[in-house]
Amino acid sequence: MSDSEALALYSIHREKLIGYANKIVRDSYRAEDIVQDAFLKFRKAKRSAEEDHPSAYLYRIVRNLAL
């Protein structure tokens, strides 16, 4: 996945990802930080899961960071 494709996917899901993280951490500022960190990890990742279901992989990164 190219950087521009990753950014487009992030842009589409950003608000929902923040809401998802916020449900776990109960802190909107921390949730935003988690989502930004998740995007950086997602962009660096070169995994087959990313290629098959990139949005699901991004949500999993957010969940793992939030926990």
PDB file of N, CA and C in Angstrom:
ATOM      1  N   MET A   1       0.849  -1.165   0.000  1.00  0.00           N
ATOM      2  CA  MET A   1       0.000   0.000   0.000  1.00  0.00           C
ATOM      3  C   MET A   1       0.899   1.233   0.000  1.00  0.00           C
ATOM      4  N   SER A   2       0.606   2.149  -0.871  1.00  0.00           N
ATOM      5  CA  SER A   2       1.400   3.365  -0.969  1.00  0.00           C
ATOM      6  C   SER A   2       1.058   4.305   0.186  1.00  0.00           C
ATOM      7  N   ASP A   3       1.929   5.285   0.405  1.00  0.00           N
ATOM      8  CA  ASP A   3       1.673   6.263   1.462  1.00  0.00           C
ATOM      9  C   ASP A   3       0.395   7.047   1.199  1.00  0.00           C
ATOM     10  N   SER A   4       0.133   7.377  -0.059  1.00  0.00           N
ATOM     11  CA  SER A   4      -1.082   8.140  -0.364  1.00  0.00           C
ATOM     12  C   SER A   4      -2.336   7.303  -0.130  1.00  0.00           C
ATOM     13  N   GLU A   5      -2.273   6.011  -0.421  1.00  0.00           N
ATOM     14  CA  GLU A   5      -3.414   5.127  -0.152  1.00  0.00           C
ATOM     15  C   GLU A   5      -3.628   4.977   1.352  1.00  0.00           C
ATOM     16  N   ALA A   6      -2.525   4.863   2.100  1.00  0.00           N
ATOM     17  CA  ALA A   6      -2.623   4.748   3.555  1.00  0.00           C
ATOM     18  C   ALA A   6      -3.216   6.015   4.151  1.00  0.00           C
ATOM     19  N   LEU A   7      -2.793   7.166   3.647  1.00  0.00           N
ATOM     20  CA  LEU A   7      -3.327   8.435   4.140  1.00  0.00           C
ATOM     21  C   LEU A   7      -4.811   8.572   3.814  1.00  0.00           C
ATOM     22  N   ALA A   8      -5.207   8.151   2.628  1.00  0.00           N
ATOM     23  CA  ALA A   8      -6.626   8.213   2.247  1.00  0.00           C
ATOM     24  C   ALA A   8      -7.460   7.325   3.164  1.00  0.00           C
ATOM     25  N   LEU A   9      -6.977   6.120   3.431  1.00  0.00           N
ATOM     26  CA  LEU A   9      -7.691   5.205   4.324  1.00  0.00           C
ATOM     27  C   LEU A   9      -7.796   5.807   5.724  1.00  0.00           C
ATOM     28  N   TYR A  10      -6.711   6.372   6.200  1.00  0.00           N
ATOM     29  CA  TYR A  10      -6.693   7.014   7.513  1.00  0.00           C
ATOM     30  C   TYR A  10      -7.699   8.165   7.556  1.00  0.00           C
ATOM     31  N   SER A  11      -7.705   8.984   6.531  1.00  0.00           N
ATOM     32  CA  SER A  11      -8.608  10.134   6.484  1.00  0.00           C
ATOM     33  C   SER A  11     -10.067   9.705   6.521  1.00  0.00           C
ATOM     34  N   ILE A  12     -10.384   8.644   5.835  1.00  0.00           N
ATOM     35  CA  ILE A  12     -11.757   8.135   5.797  1.00  0.00           C
ATOM     36  C   ILE A  12     -12.201   7.628   7.175  1.00  0.00           C
ATOM     37  N   HIS A  13     -11.306   6.966   7.878  1.00  0.00           N
ATOM     38  CA  HIS A  13     -11.662   6.290   9.132  1.00  0.00           C
ATOM     39  C   HIS A  13     -11.258   7.049  10.399  1.00  0.00           C
ATOM     40  N   ARG A  14     -10.604   8.184  10.265  1.00  0.00           N
ATOM     41  CA  ARG A  14     -10.033   8.886  11.413  1.00  0.00           C
ATOM     42  C   ARG A  14     -11.041   9.134  12.535  1.00  0.00           C
ATOM     43  N   GLU A  15     -12.156   9.732  12.240  1.00  0.00           N
ATOM     44  CA  GLU A  15     -13.135  10.067  13.285  1.00  0.00           C
ATOM     45  C   GLU A  15     -13.665   8.817  13.987  1.00  0.00           C
ATOM     46  N   LYS A  16     -13.938   7.777  13.219  1.00  0.00           N
ATOM     47  CA  LYS A  16     -14.436   6.533  13.825  1.00  0.00           C
ATOM     48  C   LYS A  16     -13.352   5.870  14.663  1.00  0.00           C
ATOM     49  N   LEU A  17     -12.101   5.955  14.210  1.00  0.00           N
ATOM     50  CA  LEU A  17     -10.996   5.394  14.979  1.00  0.00           C
ATOM     51  C   LEU A  17     -10.834   6.127  16.307  1.00  0.00           C
ATOM     52  N   ILE A  18     -10.972   7.435  16.282  1.00  0.00           N
ATOM     53  CA  ILE A  18     -10.884   8.212  17.524  1.00  0.00           C
ATOM     54  C   ILE A  18     -12.013   7.818  18.469  1.00  0.00           C
ATOM     55  N   GLY A  19     -13.204   7.673  17.939  1.00  0.00           N
ATOM     56  CA  GLY A  19     -14.327   7.239  18.767  1.00  0.00           C
ATOM     57  C   GLY A  19     -14.110   5.855  19.349  1.00  0.00           C
ATOM     58  N   TYR A  20     -13.550   4.965  18.541  1.00  0.00           N
ATOM     59  CA  TYR A  20     -13.262   3.598  18.974  1.00  0.00           C
ATOM     60  C   TYR A  20     -12.230   3.618  20.108  1.00  0.00           C
ATOM     61  N   ALA A  21     -11.167   4.373  19.928  1.00  0.00           N
ATOM     62  CA  ALA A  21     -10.138   4.473  20.962  1.00  0.00           C
ATOM     63  C   ALA A  21     -10.685   5.146  22.216  1.00  0.00           C
ATOM     64  N   ASN A  22     -11.515   6.158  22.027  1.00  0.00           N
ATOM     65  CA  ASN A  22     -12.072   6.882  23.160  1.00  0.00           C
ATOM     66  C   ASN A  22     -12.964   5.994  24.022  1.00  0.00           C
ATOM     67  N   LYS A  23     -13.656   5.052  23.411  1.00  0.00           N
ATOM     68  CA  LYS A  23     -14.478   4.111  24.184  1.00  0.00           C
ATOM     69  C   LYS A  23     -13.616   3.251  25.105  1.00  0.00           C
ATOM     70  N   ILE A  24     -12.377   3.018  24.692  1.00  0.00           N
ATOM     71  CA  ILE A  24     -11.473   2.185  25.491  1.00  0.00           C
ATOM     72  C   ILE A  24     -10.771   3.006  26.567  1.00  0.00           C
ATOM     73  N   VAL A  25     -10.221   4.164  26.185  1.00  0.00           N
ATOM     74  CA  VAL A  25      -9.396   4.930  27.122  1.00  0.00           C
ATOM     75  C   VAL A  25     -10.160   6.016  27.869  1.00  0.00           C
ATOM     76  N   ARG A  26     -11.338   6.387  27.389  1.00  0.00           N
ATOM     77  CA  ARG A  26     -12.182   7.403  28.033  1.00  0.00           C
ATOM     78  C   ARG A  26     -11.465   8.751  28.187  1.00  0.00           C
ATOM     79  N   ASP A  27     -10.698   9.109  27.149  1.00  0.00           N
ATOM     80  CA  ASP A  27      -9.980  10.388  27.148  1.00  0.00           C
ATOM     81  C   ASP A  27      -9.786  10.782  25.690  1.00  0.00           C
ATOM     82  N   SER A  28     -10.482  11.830  25.269  1.00  0.00           N
ATOM     83  CA  SER A  28     -10.471  12.182  23.844  1.00  0.00           C
ATOM     84  C   SER A  28      -9.095  12.618  23.354  1.00  0.00           C
ATOM     85  N   TYR A  29      -8.329  13.310  24.192  1.00  0.00           N
ATOM     86  CA  TYR A  29      -6.980  13.722  23.774  1.00  0.00           C
ATOM     87  C   TYR A  29      -6.063  12.515  23.614  1.00  0.00           C
ATOM     88  N   ARG A  30      -6.152  11.605  24.553  1.00  0.00           N
ATOM     89  CA  ARG A  30      -5.345  10.384  24.477  1.00  0.00           C
ATOM     90  C   ARG A  30      -5.774   9.538  23.280  1.00  0.00           C
ATOM     91  N   ALA A  31      -7.063   9.499  23.011  1.00  0.00           N
ATOM     92  CA  ALA A  31      -7.578   8.740  21.866  1.00  0.00           C
ATOM     93  C   ALA A  31      -7.002   9.291  20.556  1.00  0.00           C
ATOM     94  N   GLU A  32      -6.942  10.608  20.432  1.00  0.00           N
ATOM     95  CA  GLU A  32      -6.363  11.209  19.230  1.00  0.00           C
ATOM     96  C   GLU A  32      -4.893  10.848  19.086  1.00  0.00           C
ATOM     97  N   ASP A  33      -4.153  10.870  20.184  1.00  0.00           N
ATOM     98  CA  ASP A  33      -2.741  10.484  20.148  1.00  0.00           C
ATOM     99  C   ASP A  33      -2.576   9.027  19.734  1.00  0.00           C
ATOM    100  N   ILE A  34      -3.430   8.172  20.253  1.00  0.00           N
ATOM    101  CA  ILE A  34      -3.387   6.753  19.921  1.00  0.00           C
ATOM    102  C   ILE A  34      -3.622   6.546  18.428  1.00  0.00           C
ATOM    103  N   VAL A  35      -4.601   7.229  17.878  1.00  0.00           N
ATOM    104  CA  VAL A  35      -4.924   7.082  16.459  1.00  0.00           C
ATOM    105  C   VAL A  35      -3.766   7.582  15.592  1.00  0.00           C
ATOM    106  N   GLN A  36      -3.137   8.677  15.989  1.00  0.00           N
ATOM    107  CA  GLN A  36      -1.978   9.163  15.235  1.00  0.00           C
ATOM    108  C   GLN A  36      -0.833   8.165  15.302  1.00  0.00           C
ATOM    109  N   ASP A  37      -0.572   7.617  16.484  1.00  0.00           N
ATOM    110  CA  ASP A  37       0.473   6.602  16.616  1.00  0.00           C
ATOM    111  C   ASP A  37       0.145   5.363  15.793  1.00  0.00           C
ATOM    112  N   ALA A  38      -1.121   4.993  15.785  1.00  0.00           N
ATOM    113  CA  ALA A  38      -1.548   3.828  15.009  1.00  0.00           C
ATOM    114  C   ALA A  38      -1.291   4.042  13.524  1.00  0.00           C
ATOM    115  N   PHE A  39      -1.566   5.238  13.049  1.00  0.00           N
ATOM    116  CA  PHE A  39      -1.326   5.523  11.634  1.00  0.00           C
ATOM    117  C   PHE A  39       0.157   5.386  11.296  1.00  0.00           C
ATOM    118  N   LEU A  40       1.026   5.886  12.167  1.00  0.00           N
ATOM    119  CA  LEU A  40       2.462   5.774  11.915  1.00  0.00           C
ATOM    120  C   LEU A  40       2.900   4.312  11.870  1.00  0.00           C
ATOM    121  N   LYS A  41       2.398   3.510  12.782  1.00  0.00           N
ATOM    122  CA  LYS A  41       2.720   2.081  12.783  1.00  0.00           C
ATOM    123  C   LYS A  41       2.144   1.395  11.544  1.00  0.00           C
ATOM    124  N   PHE A  42       0.932   1.773  11.188  1.00  0.00           N
ATOM    125  CA  PHE A  42       0.271   1.198  10.019  1.00  0.00           C
ATOM    126  C   PHE A  42       1.063   1.499   8.751  1.00  0.00           C
ATOM    127  N   ARG A  43       1.520   2.730   8.624  1.00  0.00           N
ATOM    128  CA  ARG A  43       2.260   3.144   7.436  1.00  0.00           C
ATOM    129  C   ARG A  43       3.577   2.404   7.302  1.00  0.00           C
ATOM    130  N   LYS A  44       4.214   2.098   8.416  1.00  0.00           N
ATOM    131  CA  LYS A  44       5.502   1.405   8.402  1.00  0.00           C
ATOM    132  C   LYS A  44       5.354  -0.103   8.206  1.00  0.00           C
ATOM    133  N   ALA A  45       4.195  -0.633   8.510  1.00  0.00           N
ATOM    134  CA  ALA A  45       3.974  -2.081   8.481  1.00  0.00           C
ATOM    135  C   ALA A  45       3.986  -2.617   7.056  1.00  0.00           C
ATOM    136  N   LYS A  46       4.573  -3.750   6.906  1.00  0.00           N
ATOM    137  CA  LYS A  46       4.576  -4.459   5.616  1.00  0.00           C
ATOM    138  C   LYS A  46       4.101  -5.885   5.884  1.00  0.00           C
ATOM    139  N   ARG A  47       2.809  -6.009   6.110  1.00  0.00           N
ATOM    140  CA  ARG A  47       2.251  -7.313   6.490  1.00  0.00           C
ATOM    141  C   ARG A  47       1.159  -7.714   5.525  1.00  0.00           C
ATOM    142  N   SER A  48       0.957  -8.996   5.400  1.00  0.00           N
ATOM    143  CA  SER A  48      -0.092  -9.482   4.504  1.00  0.00           C
ATOM    144  C   SER A  48      -1.481  -9.102   5.011  1.00  0.00           C
ATOM    145  N   ALA A  49      -1.668  -9.028   6.316  1.00  0.00           N
ATOM    146  CA  ALA A  49      -2.974  -8.648   6.869  1.00  0.00           C
ATOM    147  C   ALA A  49      -3.351  -7.241   6.423  1.00  0.00           C
ATOM    148  N   GLU A  50      -2.349  -6.395   6.312  1.00  0.00           N
ATOM    149  CA  GLU A  50      -2.598  -5.026   5.866  1.00  0.00           C
ATOM    150  C   GLU A  50      -3.143  -5.018   4.449  1.00  0.00           C
ATOM    151  N   GLU A  51      -2.623  -5.880   3.607  1.00  0.00           N
ATOM    152  CA  GLU A  51      -3.046  -5.914   2.212  1.00  0.00           C
ATOM    153  C   GLU A  51      -4.444  -6.509   2.060  1.00  0.00           C
ATOM    154  N   ASP A  52      -4.770  -7.503   2.854  1.00  0.00           N
ATOM    155  CA  ASP A  52      -6.069  -8.167   2.744  1.00  0.00           C
ATOM    156  C   ASP A  52      -7.205  -7.308   3.296  1.00  0.00           C
ATOM    157  N   HIS A  53      -6.997  -6.743   4.464  1.00  0.00           N
ATOM    158  CA  HIS A  53      -8.038  -5.953   5.143  1.00  0.00           C
ATOM    159  C   HIS A  53      -7.373  -4.772   5.850  1.00  0.00           C
ATOM    160  N   PRO A  54      -6.974  -3.777   5.099  1.00  0.00           N
ATOM    161  CA  PRO A  54      -6.201  -2.688   5.717  1.00  0.00           C
ATOM    162  C   PRO A  54      -6.960  -1.920   6.793  1.00  0.00           C
ATOM    163  N   SER A  55      -8.249  -1.695   6.632  1.00  0.00           N
ATOM    164  CA  SER A  55      -8.977  -0.952   7.665  1.00  0.00           C
ATOM    165  C   SER A  55      -9.089  -1.774   8.945  1.00  0.00           C
ATOM    166  N   ALA A  56      -9.304  -3.066   8.817  1.00  0.00           N
ATOM    167  CA  ALA A  56      -9.368  -3.935   9.996  1.00  0.00           C
ATOM    168  C   ALA A  56      -8.025  -3.958  10.719  1.00  0.00           C
ATOM    169  N   TYR A  57      -6.958  -3.968   9.955  1.00  0.00           N
ATOM    170  CA  TYR A  57      -5.615  -3.954  10.535  1.00  0.00           C
ATOM    171  C   TYR A  57      -5.377  -2.643  11.286  1.00  0.00           C
ATOM    172  N   LEU A  58      -5.825  -1.534  10.725  1.00  0.00           N
ATOM    173  CA  LEU A  58      -5.683  -0.240  11.377  1.00  0.00           C
ATOM    174  C   LEU A  58      -6.477  -0.205  12.681  1.00  0.00           C
ATOM    175  N   TYR A  59      -7.682  -0.725  12.679  1.00  0.00           N
ATOM    176  CA  TYR A  59      -8.482  -0.795  13.905  1.00  0.00           C
ATOM    177  C   TYR A  59      -7.800  -1.673  14.953  1.00  0.00           C
ATOM    178  N   ARG A  60      -7.187  -2.751  14.528  1.00  0.00           N
ATOM    179  CA  ARG A  60      -6.495  -3.631  15.481  1.00  0.00           C
ATOM    180  C   ARG A  60      -5.315  -2.925  16.123  1.00  0.00           C
ATOM    181  N   ILE A  61      -4.585  -2.148  15.333  1.00  0.00           N
ATOM    182  CA  ILE A  61      -3.466  -1.383  15.893  1.00  0.00           C
ATOM    183  C   ILE A  61      -3.983  -0.397  16.941  1.00  0.00           C
ATOM    184  N   VAL A  62      -5.066   0.299  16.613  1.00  0.00           N
ATOM    185  CA  VAL A  62      -5.662   1.251  17.555  1.00  0.00           C
ATOM    186  C   VAL A  62      -6.053   0.534  18.846  1.00  0.00           C
ATOM    187  N   ARG A  63      -6.716  -0.590  18.716  1.00  0.00           N
ATOM    188  CA  ARG A  63      -7.153  -1.339  19.902  1.00  0.00           C
ATOM    189  C   ARG A  63      -5.957  -1.752  20.756  1.00  0.00           C
ATOM    190  N   ASN A  64      -4.928  -2.293  20.116  1.00  0.00           N
ATOM    191  CA  ASN A  64      -3.748  -2.732  20.858  1.00  0.00           C
ATOM    192  C   ASN A  64      -3.068  -1.575  21.582  1.00  0.00           C
ATOM    193  N   LEU A  65      -2.955  -0.446  20.924  1.00  0.00           N
ATOM    194  CA  LEU A  65      -2.344   0.718  21.564  1.00  0.00           C
ATOM    195  C   LEU A  65      -3.208   1.238  22.711  1.00  0.00           C
ATOM    196  N   ALA A  66      -4.504   1.213  22.545  1.00  0.00           N
ATOM    197  CA  ALA A  66      -5.418   1.702  23.571  1.00  0.00           C
ATOM    198  C   ALA A  66      -5.388   0.826  24.814  1.00  0.00           C
ATOM    199  N   LEU A  67      -5.235  -0.460  24.605  1.00  0.00           N
ATOM    200  CA  LEU A  67      -5.204  -1.372  25.750  1.00  0.00           C
ATOM    201  C   LEU A  67      -3.873  -1.280  26.462  1.00  0.00           C
TER     202      LEU A  67
END
